[in-house]
Amino acid sequence: TWPWPLPALWVWMLAWGVFVGSRWLQLPLFPALLLATAVGIVGSVWARTAVRRVVMALGFPLSWWLLTGGAGTSVLAGLPAWGWLLPLALALALYPPATWKDAPLFPTPRGALDGLAEAVPLPLAGYVLDAGCGLGHGLQALERAYPEVHLHGLENSWPLRWAAAVYARHAHVHHGDMWAHDWSRYDMVYLFQRPESMARAWDKASRDMKPGSWLASLEFPVPDVAPTLTWTCPDGRPLWLYRLPGGDA
């Protein structure tokens, strides 16, 4: 239930603790490495996705190799003490703590929404939001599907927001928290989030969005809520569409 990446940090710390403790007890290097790596592998089974399991499992052996160079010269031997803050600062800029409960970077394929306008027509001068737009891939797909609408992207990471503004120049990309942002002006809010976020997204849409507007979620449905429409993307993935009650049929 911890927000990512806290589970990974905990497993890595535990693996390092086992390694240091094993060496303190004079266990030979190779068995100590195997034991600590096994701790990371076992801990990774609680990750929700395959990518996160790999990250958790490889965290200890990769960090040990970077620090020691395989028990030889450290790969980072020339790095000053303050230099360790640089990758941490970069990680926090790309993935600030406020986004830890949201999805990591999930790019939307460029043509994933081709043909959607035929199933879900929107006003020609309507407004569409990609909430958590990342690098702007979802905005590119939405622009192909709805070339006449006003497209907006919202991203809480400054580096990703800047990248999205360059990659999706046709859209208005803003920095901000998707959960604090007002969704009331939009005819559609598009999400490519994670399953755990969808109940919260539906609750916000129900409070913010106007009657007849749409919440669109790529791959992940809202739990315990029947979709208005399930549309199949050109690559076979489902797009779950929920229309807010009260609009014209």
C-alpha atoms as a PDB file:
ATOM      1  CA  THR A   1       0.000   0.000   0.000  1.00  0.00           C
ATOM      2  CA  TRP A   2       3.035   2.306   0.109  1.00  0.00           C
ATOM      3  CA  PRO A   3       3.385   4.780  -2.765  1.00  0.00           C
ATOM      4  CA  TRP A   4       6.089   3.980  -5.278  1.00  0.00           C
ATOM      5  CA  PRO A   5       9.130   4.133  -4.994  1.00  0.00           C
ATOM      6  CA  LEU A   6       9.052   3.600  -1.205  1.00  0.00           C
ATOM      7  CA  PRO A   7       8.706  -0.213  -1.546  1.00  0.00           C
ATOM      8  CA  ALA A   8      11.822  -0.307  -3.745  1.00  0.00           C
ATOM      9  CA  LEU A   9      13.803   1.874  -1.329  1.00  0.00           C
ATOM     10  CA  TRP A  10      12.799  -0.378   1.570  1.00  0.00           C
ATOM     11  CA  VAL A  11      13.819  -3.564  -0.250  1.00  0.00           C
ATOM     12  CA  TRP A  12      17.152  -2.049  -1.329  1.00  0.00           C
ATOM     13  CA  MET A  13      17.922  -0.908   2.229  1.00  0.00           C
ATOM     14  CA  LEU A  14      17.020  -4.339   3.576  1.00  0.00           C
ATOM     15  CA  ALA A  15      19.289  -6.060   1.019  1.00  0.00           C
ATOM     16  CA  TRP A  16      22.169  -3.751   1.914  1.00  0.00           C
ATOM     17  CA  GLY A  17      21.560  -4.388   5.602  1.00  0.00           C
ATOM     18  CA  VAL A  18      21.744  -8.140   5.020  1.00  0.00           C
ATOM     19  CA  PHE A  19      24.941  -7.740   3.003  1.00  0.00           C
ATOM     20  CA  VAL A  20      26.678  -5.546   5.596  1.00  0.00           C
ATOM     21  CA  GLY A  21      25.531  -7.819   8.422  1.00  0.00           C
ATOM     22  CA  SER A  22      26.744 -10.899   6.587  1.00  0.00           C
ATOM     23  CA  ARG A  23      30.168  -9.399   6.024  1.00  0.00           C
ATOM     24  CA  TRP A  24      30.328  -8.292   9.664  1.00  0.00           C
ATOM     25  CA  LEU A  25      29.683 -11.917  10.610  1.00  0.00           C
ATOM     26  CA  GLN A  26      32.631 -12.801   8.313  1.00  0.00           C
ATOM     27  CA  LEU A  27      30.573 -14.531   5.649  1.00  0.00           C
ATOM     28  CA  PRO A  28      32.643 -14.742   2.438  1.00  0.00           C
ATOM     29  CA  LEU A  29      31.947 -12.116  -0.195  1.00  0.00           C
ATOM     30  CA  PHE A  30      30.228 -14.303  -2.792  1.00  0.00           C
ATOM     31  CA  PRO A  31      27.705 -15.942  -0.400  1.00  0.00           C
ATOM     32  CA  ALA A  32      26.985 -12.529   1.140  1.00  0.00           C
ATOM     33  CA  LEU A  33      26.258 -11.138  -2.309  1.00  0.00           C
ATOM     34  CA  LEU A  34      23.994 -14.052  -3.147  1.00  0.00           C
ATOM     35  CA  LEU A  35      22.102 -13.702   0.119  1.00  0.00           C
ATOM     36  CA  ALA A  36      21.545  -9.958  -0.284  1.00  0.00           C
ATOM     37  CA  THR A  37      20.511 -10.381  -3.921  1.00  0.00           C
ATOM     38  CA  ALA A  38      18.055 -13.098  -2.878  1.00  0.00           C
ATOM     39  CA  VAL A  39      16.494 -10.656  -0.424  1.00  0.00           C
ATOM     40  CA  GLY A  40      15.886  -8.227  -3.287  1.00  0.00           C
ATOM     41  CA  ILE A  41      14.409 -10.939  -5.492  1.00  0.00           C
ATOM     42  CA  VAL A  42      12.070 -12.168  -2.759  1.00  0.00           C
ATOM     43  CA  GLY A  43      11.023  -8.618  -1.918  1.00  0.00           C
ATOM     44  CA  SER A  44      10.249  -7.868  -5.550  1.00  0.00           C
ATOM     45  CA  VAL A  45       7.340 -10.321  -5.638  1.00  0.00           C
ATOM     46  CA  TRP A  46       5.191  -7.706  -3.897  1.00  0.00           C
ATOM     47  CA  ALA A  47       5.619  -5.217  -6.754  1.00  0.00           C
ATOM     48  CA  ARG A  48       2.503  -4.673  -8.851  1.00  0.00           C
ATOM     49  CA  THR A  49       4.158  -4.622 -12.285  1.00  0.00           C
ATOM     50  CA  ALA A  50       6.920  -6.559 -14.016  1.00  0.00           C
ATOM     51  CA  VAL A  51       9.026  -3.421 -14.506  1.00  0.00           C
ATOM     52  CA  ARG A  52       8.912  -2.620 -10.800  1.00  0.00           C
ATOM     53  CA  ARG A  53       9.805  -6.199  -9.894  1.00  0.00           C
ATOM     54  CA  VAL A  54      12.913  -5.956 -12.072  1.00  0.00           C
ATOM     55  CA  VAL A  55      13.855  -2.595 -10.541  1.00  0.00           C
ATOM     56  CA  MET A  56      13.494  -3.933  -7.013  1.00  0.00           C
ATOM     57  CA  ALA A  57      15.372  -7.150  -7.734  1.00  0.00           C
ATOM     58  CA  LEU A  58      18.323  -5.494  -9.500  1.00  0.00           C
ATOM     59  CA  GLY A  59      18.703  -2.540  -7.138  1.00  0.00           C
ATOM     60  CA  PHE A  60      21.199  -4.157  -4.772  1.00  0.00           C
ATOM     61  CA  PRO A  61      23.524  -5.922  -7.254  1.00  0.00           C
ATOM     62  CA  LEU A  62      23.664  -2.883  -9.546  1.00  0.00           C
ATOM     63  CA  SER A  63      24.364  -0.460  -6.713  1.00  0.00           C
ATOM     64  CA  TRP A  64      27.048  -2.805  -5.312  1.00  0.00           C
ATOM     65  CA  TRP A  65      28.710  -3.024  -8.712  1.00  0.00           C
ATOM     66  CA  LEU A  66      28.650   0.761  -9.167  1.00  0.00           C
ATOM     67  CA  LEU A  67      30.168   1.257  -5.728  1.00  0.00           C
ATOM     68  CA  THR A  68      32.843  -1.404  -5.979  1.00  0.00           C
ATOM     69  CA  GLY A  69      33.350  -2.142  -9.662  1.00  0.00           C
ATOM     70  CA  GLY A  70      32.943  -5.831  -8.899  1.00  0.00           C
ATOM     71  CA  ALA A  71      35.207  -5.735  -5.823  1.00  0.00           C
ATOM     72  CA  GLY A  72      37.803  -3.859  -7.859  1.00  0.00           C
ATOM     73  CA  THR A  73      37.995  -0.137  -8.570  1.00  0.00           C
ATOM     74  CA  SER A  74      34.689   1.648  -8.050  1.00  0.00           C
ATOM     75  CA  VAL A  75      33.036   2.827 -11.230  1.00  0.00           C
ATOM     76  CA  LEU A  76      32.174   6.025  -9.352  1.00  0.00           C
ATOM     77  CA  ALA A  77      35.459   6.365  -7.500  1.00  0.00           C
ATOM     78  CA  GLY A  78      36.104   9.868  -8.831  1.00  0.00           C
ATOM     79  CA  LEU A  79      32.677  11.197  -7.899  1.00  0.00           C
ATOM     80  CA  PRO A  80      32.771  13.798  -5.095  1.00  0.00           C
ATOM     81  CA  ALA A  81      30.511  13.293  -2.101  1.00  0.00           C
ATOM     82  CA  TRP A  82      28.065  15.964  -3.225  1.00  0.00           C
ATOM     83  CA  GLY A  83      27.865  14.314  -6.652  1.00  0.00           C
ATOM     84  CA  TRP A  84      25.571  11.659  -5.215  1.00  0.00           C
ATOM     85  CA  LEU A  85      22.945  14.370  -4.815  1.00  0.00           C
ATOM     86  CA  LEU A  86      22.779  14.969  -8.575  1.00  0.00           C
ATOM     87  CA  PRO A  87      21.033  11.728  -9.589  1.00  0.00           C
ATOM     88  CA  LEU A  88      18.757  12.063  -6.555  1.00  0.00           C
ATOM     89  CA  ALA A  89      17.817  15.612  -7.566  1.00  0.00           C
ATOM     90  CA  LEU A  90      17.188  14.465 -11.141  1.00  0.00           C
ATOM     91  CA  ALA A  91      14.996  11.581  -9.951  1.00  0.00           C
ATOM     92  CA  LEU A  92      12.962  13.900  -7.717  1.00  0.00           C
ATOM     93  CA  ALA A  93      12.548  16.414 -10.558  1.00  0.00           C
ATOM     94  CA  LEU A  94      11.320  13.723 -12.942  1.00  0.00           C
ATOM     95  CA  TYR A  95       9.172  11.982 -10.342  1.00  0.00           C
ATOM     96  CA  PRO A  96       8.293  14.396  -7.488  1.00  0.00           C
ATOM     97  CA  PRO A  97       6.868  12.910  -4.261  1.00  0.00           C
ATOM     98  CA  ALA A  98       3.401  14.288  -5.048  1.00  0.00           C
ATOM     99  CA  THR A  99       3.200  11.890  -8.020  1.00  0.00           C
ATOM    100  CA  TRP A 100       4.320   8.723  -6.230  1.00  0.00           C
ATOM    101  CA  LYS A 101       0.749   7.439  -5.964  1.00  0.00           C
ATOM    102  CA  ASP A 102       0.153   8.048  -9.668  1.00  0.00           C
ATOM    103  CA  ALA A 103       1.375   6.122 -12.678  1.00  0.00           C
ATOM    104  CA  PRO A 104       4.975   6.247 -13.826  1.00  0.00           C
ATOM    105  CA  LEU A 105       5.694   7.241 -17.416  1.00  0.00           C
ATOM    106  CA  PHE A 106       3.213   5.311 -19.607  1.00  0.00           C
ATOM    107  CA  PRO A 107       3.480   6.611 -23.209  1.00  0.00           C
ATOM    108  CA  THR A 108       0.351   6.395 -25.350  1.00  0.00           C
ATOM    109  CA  PRO A 109       1.088   5.012 -28.844  1.00  0.00           C
ATOM    110  CA  ARG A 110       0.751   7.722 -31.480  1.00  0.00           C
ATOM    111  CA  GLY A 111      -2.142   6.100 -33.349  1.00  0.00           C
ATOM    112  CA  ALA A 112      -3.837   4.526 -30.342  1.00  0.00           C
ATOM    113  CA  LEU A 113      -6.928   6.770 -30.552  1.00  0.00           C
ATOM    114  CA  ASP A 114      -7.352   6.910 -34.330  1.00  0.00           C
ATOM    115  CA  GLY A 115     -11.071   6.623 -35.108  1.00  0.00           C
ATOM    116  CA  LEU A 116     -12.269   7.521 -31.610  1.00  0.00           C
ATOM    117  CA  ALA A 117     -14.095  10.645 -32.838  1.00  0.00           C
ATOM    118  CA  GLU A 118     -16.532   8.459 -34.761  1.00  0.00           C
ATOM    119  CA  ALA A 119     -17.538   6.637 -31.584  1.00  0.00           C
ATOM    120  CA  VAL A 120     -17.368   9.644 -29.246  1.00  0.00           C
ATOM    121  CA  PRO A 121     -17.902  12.920 -31.133  1.00  0.00           C
ATOM    122  CA  LEU A 122     -16.917  16.093 -29.287  1.00  0.00           C
ATOM    123  CA  PRO A 123     -17.760  19.755 -29.966  1.00  0.00           C
ATOM    124  CA  LEU A 124     -15.501  21.172 -32.694  1.00  0.00           C
ATOM    125  CA  ALA A 125     -14.228  23.873 -30.341  1.00  0.00           C
ATOM    126  CA  GLY A 126     -14.393  21.676 -27.267  1.00  0.00           C
ATOM    127  CA  TYR A 127     -11.745  21.234 -24.594  1.00  0.00           C
ATOM    128  CA  VAL A 128      -9.836  18.023 -23.901  1.00  0.00           C
ATOM    129  CA  LEU A 129      -7.376  17.423 -21.059  1.00  0.00           C
ATOM    130  CA  ASP A 130      -4.646  14.803 -20.888  1.00  0.00           C
ATOM    131  CA  ALA A 131      -4.253  14.561 -17.104  1.00  0.00           C
ATOM    132  CA  GLY A 132      -0.695  13.470 -16.368  1.00  0.00           C
ATOM    133  CA  CYS A 133       0.502  13.987 -19.940  1.00  0.00           C
ATOM    134  CA  GLY A 134       4.113  12.857 -19.393  1.00  0.00           C
ATOM    135  CA  LEU A 135       6.178  13.485 -22.531  1.00  0.00           C
ATOM    136  CA  GLY A 136       3.118  14.377 -24.595  1.00  0.00           C
ATOM    137  CA  HIS A 137       2.439  11.091 -26.376  1.00  0.00           C
ATOM    138  CA  GLY A 138      -1.215  11.106 -25.312  1.00  0.00           C
ATOM    139  CA  LEU A 139      -1.591  14.657 -26.615  1.00  0.00           C
ATOM    140  CA  GLN A 140      -0.232  13.530 -29.972  1.00  0.00           C
ATOM    141  CA  ALA A 141      -2.761  10.694 -30.118  1.00  0.00           C
ATOM    142  CA  LEU A 142      -5.612  13.007 -29.076  1.00  0.00           C
ATOM    143  CA  GLU A 143      -4.641  15.569 -31.711  1.00  0.00           C
ATOM    144  CA  ARG A 144      -4.879  12.889 -34.398  1.00  0.00           C
ATOM    145  CA  ALA A 145      -8.321  11.859 -33.136  1.00  0.00           C
ATOM    146  CA  TYR A 146      -9.703  15.366 -32.498  1.00  0.00           C
ATOM    147  CA  PRO A 147      -7.784  17.902 -34.612  1.00  0.00           C
ATOM    148  CA  GLU A 148     -10.332  20.721 -34.058  1.00  0.00           C
ATOM    149  CA  VAL A 149     -10.526  20.744 -30.245  1.00  0.00           C
ATOM    150  CA  HIS A 150      -8.507  22.765 -27.762  1.00  0.00           C
ATOM    151  CA  LEU A 151      -6.003  20.336 -26.266  1.00  0.00           C
ATOM    152  CA  HIS A 152      -4.527  20.820 -22.803  1.00  0.00           C
ATOM    153  CA  GLY A 153      -1.932  18.759 -20.974  1.00  0.00           C
ATOM    154  CA  LEU A 154      -1.182  18.765 -17.272  1.00  0.00           C
ATOM    155  CA  GLU A 155       2.029  17.366 -15.796  1.00  0.00           C
ATOM    156  CA  ASN A 156       3.468  17.636 -12.269  1.00  0.00           C
ATOM    157  CA  SER A 157       7.080  17.018 -13.322  1.00  0.00           C
ATOM    158  CA  TRP A 158       8.811  20.143 -14.637  1.00  0.00           C
ATOM    159  CA  PRO A 159      11.230  18.277 -16.966  1.00  0.00           C
ATOM    160  CA  LEU A 160       8.391  16.226 -18.457  1.00  0.00           C
ATOM    161  CA  ARG A 161       6.190  19.314 -18.758  1.00  0.00           C
ATOM    162  CA  TRP A 162       8.920  21.109 -20.742  1.00  0.00           C
ATOM    163  CA  ALA A 163       9.470  18.048 -22.942  1.00  0.00           C
ATOM    164  CA  ALA A 164       5.747  17.690 -23.606  1.00  0.00           C
ATOM    165  CA  ALA A 165       5.487  21.351 -24.599  1.00  0.00           C
ATOM    166  CA  VAL A 166       8.154  20.717 -27.257  1.00  0.00           C
ATOM    167  CA  TYR A 167       6.863  17.332 -28.400  1.00  0.00           C
ATOM    168  CA  ALA A 168       3.179  18.349 -28.532  1.00  0.00           C
ATOM    169  CA  ARG A 169       3.425  21.946 -29.721  1.00  0.00           C
ATOM    170  CA  HIS A 170      -0.204  22.060 -30.805  1.00  0.00           C
ATOM    171  CA  ALA A 171      -1.355  21.650 -27.177  1.00  0.00           C
ATOM    172  CA  HIS A 172      -1.347  23.963 -24.169  1.00  0.00           C
ATOM    173  CA  VAL A 173       0.815  22.164 -21.612  1.00  0.00           C
ATOM    174  CA  HIS A 174       0.740  23.314 -17.990  1.00  0.00           C
ATOM    175  CA  HIS A 175       2.600  22.351 -14.849  1.00  0.00           C
ATOM    176  CA  GLY A 176       0.331  21.233 -12.021  1.00  0.00           C
ATOM    177  CA  ASP A 177      -1.274  18.521  -9.946  1.00  0.00           C
ATOM    178  CA  MET A 178      -3.960  16.683 -11.892  1.00  0.00           C
ATOM    179  CA  TRP A 179      -5.869  16.011  -8.679  1.00  0.00           C
ATOM    180  CA  ALA A 180      -5.953  19.676  -7.632  1.00  0.00           C
ATOM    181  CA  HIS A 181      -6.698  21.006 -11.127  1.00  0.00           C
ATOM    182  CA  ASP A 182     -10.308  21.901 -11.988  1.00  0.00           C
ATOM    183  CA  TRP A 183     -11.740  19.549 -14.629  1.00  0.00           C
ATOM    184  CA  SER A 184     -15.030  21.399 -15.047  1.00  0.00           C
ATOM    185  CA  ARG A 185     -14.271  23.095 -18.395  1.00  0.00           C
ATOM    186  CA  TYR A 186     -13.347  19.932 -20.291  1.00  0.00           C
ATOM    187  CA  ASP A 187     -15.532  17.896 -22.616  1.00  0.00           C
ATOM    188  CA  MET A 188     -13.173  14.941 -22.159  1.00  0.00           C
ATOM    189  CA  VAL A 189     -10.466  14.071 -19.649  1.00  0.00           C
ATOM    190  CA  TYR A 190      -8.061  11.398 -20.889  1.00  0.00           C
ATOM    191  CA  LEU A 191      -6.045   9.221 -18.514  1.00  0.00           C
ATOM    192  CA  PHE A 192      -3.418   6.531 -18.863  1.00  0.00           C
ATOM    193  CA  GLN A 193      -2.940   5.973 -15.167  1.00  0.00           C
ATOM    194  CA  ARG A 194      -2.757   2.881 -12.979  1.00  0.00           C
ATOM    195  CA  PRO A 195      -5.584   0.652 -11.707  1.00  0.00           C
ATOM    196  CA  GLU A 196      -5.290   1.996  -8.150  1.00  0.00           C
ATOM    197  CA  SER A 197      -5.914   5.571  -9.355  1.00  0.00           C
ATOM    198  CA  MET A 198      -9.159   4.957 -11.213  1.00  0.00           C
ATOM    199  CA  ALA A 199     -11.606   5.101  -8.304  1.00  0.00           C
ATOM    200  CA  ARG A 200     -10.121   8.448  -7.307  1.00  0.00           C
ATOM    201  CA  ALA A 201     -10.314   9.666 -10.905  1.00  0.00           C
ATOM    202  CA  TRP A 202     -13.998   8.768 -11.164  1.00  0.00           C
ATOM    203  CA  ASP A 203     -14.749  10.475  -7.865  1.00  0.00           C
ATOM    204  CA  LYS A 204     -13.062  13.663  -9.097  1.00  0.00           C
ATOM    205  CA  ALA A 205     -14.776  13.479 -12.482  1.00  0.00           C
ATOM    206  CA  SER A 206     -18.160  13.056 -10.790  1.00  0.00           C
ATOM    207  CA  ARG A 207     -17.528  16.152  -8.677  1.00  0.00           C
ATOM    208  CA  ASP A 208     -15.853  18.391 -11.275  1.00  0.00           C
ATOM    209  CA  MET A 209     -17.019  17.561 -14.760  1.00  0.00           C
ATOM    210  CA  LYS A 210     -20.131  18.913 -16.447  1.00  0.00           C
ATOM    211  CA  PRO A 211     -23.056  16.706 -17.519  1.00  0.00           C
ATOM    212  CA  GLY A 212     -22.465  14.921 -20.796  1.00  0.00           C
ATOM    213  CA  SER A 213     -18.667  15.135 -20.655  1.00  0.00           C
ATOM    214  CA  TRP A 214     -16.436  12.069 -20.888  1.00  0.00           C
ATOM    215  CA  LEU A 215     -13.781  10.400 -18.767  1.00  0.00           C
ATOM    216  CA  ALA A 216     -11.565   8.207 -20.970  1.00  0.00           C
ATOM    217  CA  SER A 217      -9.115   5.692 -19.506  1.00  0.00           C
ATOM    218  CA  LEU A 218      -6.707   3.650 -21.588  1.00  0.00           C
ATOM    219  CA  GLU A 219      -6.485   0.005 -20.427  1.00  0.00           C
ATOM    220  CA  PHE A 220      -7.749   0.421 -16.854  1.00  0.00           C
ATOM    221  CA  PRO A 221     -11.469   0.601 -15.958  1.00  0.00           C
ATOM    222  CA  VAL A 222     -13.091   2.325 -13.007  1.00  0.00           C
ATOM    223  CA  PRO A 223     -13.810  -0.406 -10.429  1.00  0.00           C
ATOM    224  CA  ASP A 224     -17.476  -1.166  -9.787  1.00  0.00           C
ATOM    225  CA  VAL A 225     -18.681   1.383 -12.373  1.00  0.00           C
ATOM    226  CA  ALA A 226     -20.167   0.213 -15.670  1.00  0.00           C
ATOM    227  CA  PRO A 227     -18.609   2.039 -18.641  1.00  0.00           C
ATOM    228  CA  THR A 228     -20.832   3.907 -21.053  1.00  0.00           C
ATOM    229  CA  LEU A 229     -18.739   2.484 -23.871  1.00  0.00           C
ATOM    230  CA  THR A 230     -15.720   0.217 -24.241  1.00  0.00           C
ATOM    231  CA  TRP A 231     -13.844   1.135 -27.408  1.00  0.00           C
ATOM    232  CA  THR A 232     -11.125  -1.052 -28.891  1.00  0.00           C
ATOM    233  CA  CYS A 233      -7.991   0.812 -29.960  1.00  0.00           C
ATOM    234  CA  PRO A 234      -6.312  -0.040 -33.277  1.00  0.00           C
ATOM    235  CA  ASP A 235      -3.651  -1.994 -31.352  1.00  0.00           C
ATOM    236  CA  GLY A 236      -6.318  -4.026 -29.531  1.00  0.00           C
ATOM    237  CA  ARG A 237      -6.195  -2.353 -26.149  1.00  0.00           C
ATOM    238  CA  PRO A 238      -9.440  -1.218 -24.496  1.00  0.00           C
ATOM    239  CA  LEU A 239     -10.357   2.405 -23.921  1.00  0.00           C
ATOM    240  CA  TRP A 240     -12.906   2.670 -21.124  1.00  0.00           C
ATOM    241  CA  LEU A 241     -15.295   5.578 -21.598  1.00  0.00           C
ATOM    242  CA  TYR A 242     -17.573   7.009 -18.921  1.00  0.00           C
ATOM    243  CA  ARG A 243     -20.084   9.725 -19.700  1.00  0.00           C
ATOM    244  CA  LEU A 244     -21.134  11.986 -16.878  1.00  0.00           C
ATOM    245  CA  PRO A 245     -24.909  11.789 -16.417  1.00  0.00           C
ATOM    246  CA  GLY A 246     -27.229  14.596 -17.421  1.00  0.00           C
ATOM    247  CA  GLY A 247     -26.080  15.313 -20.971  1.00  0.00           C
ATOM    248  CA  ASP A 248     -28.040  14.836 -24.188  1.00  0.00           C
ATOM    249  CA  ALA A 249     -28.349  11.229 -25.294  1.00  0.00           C
END
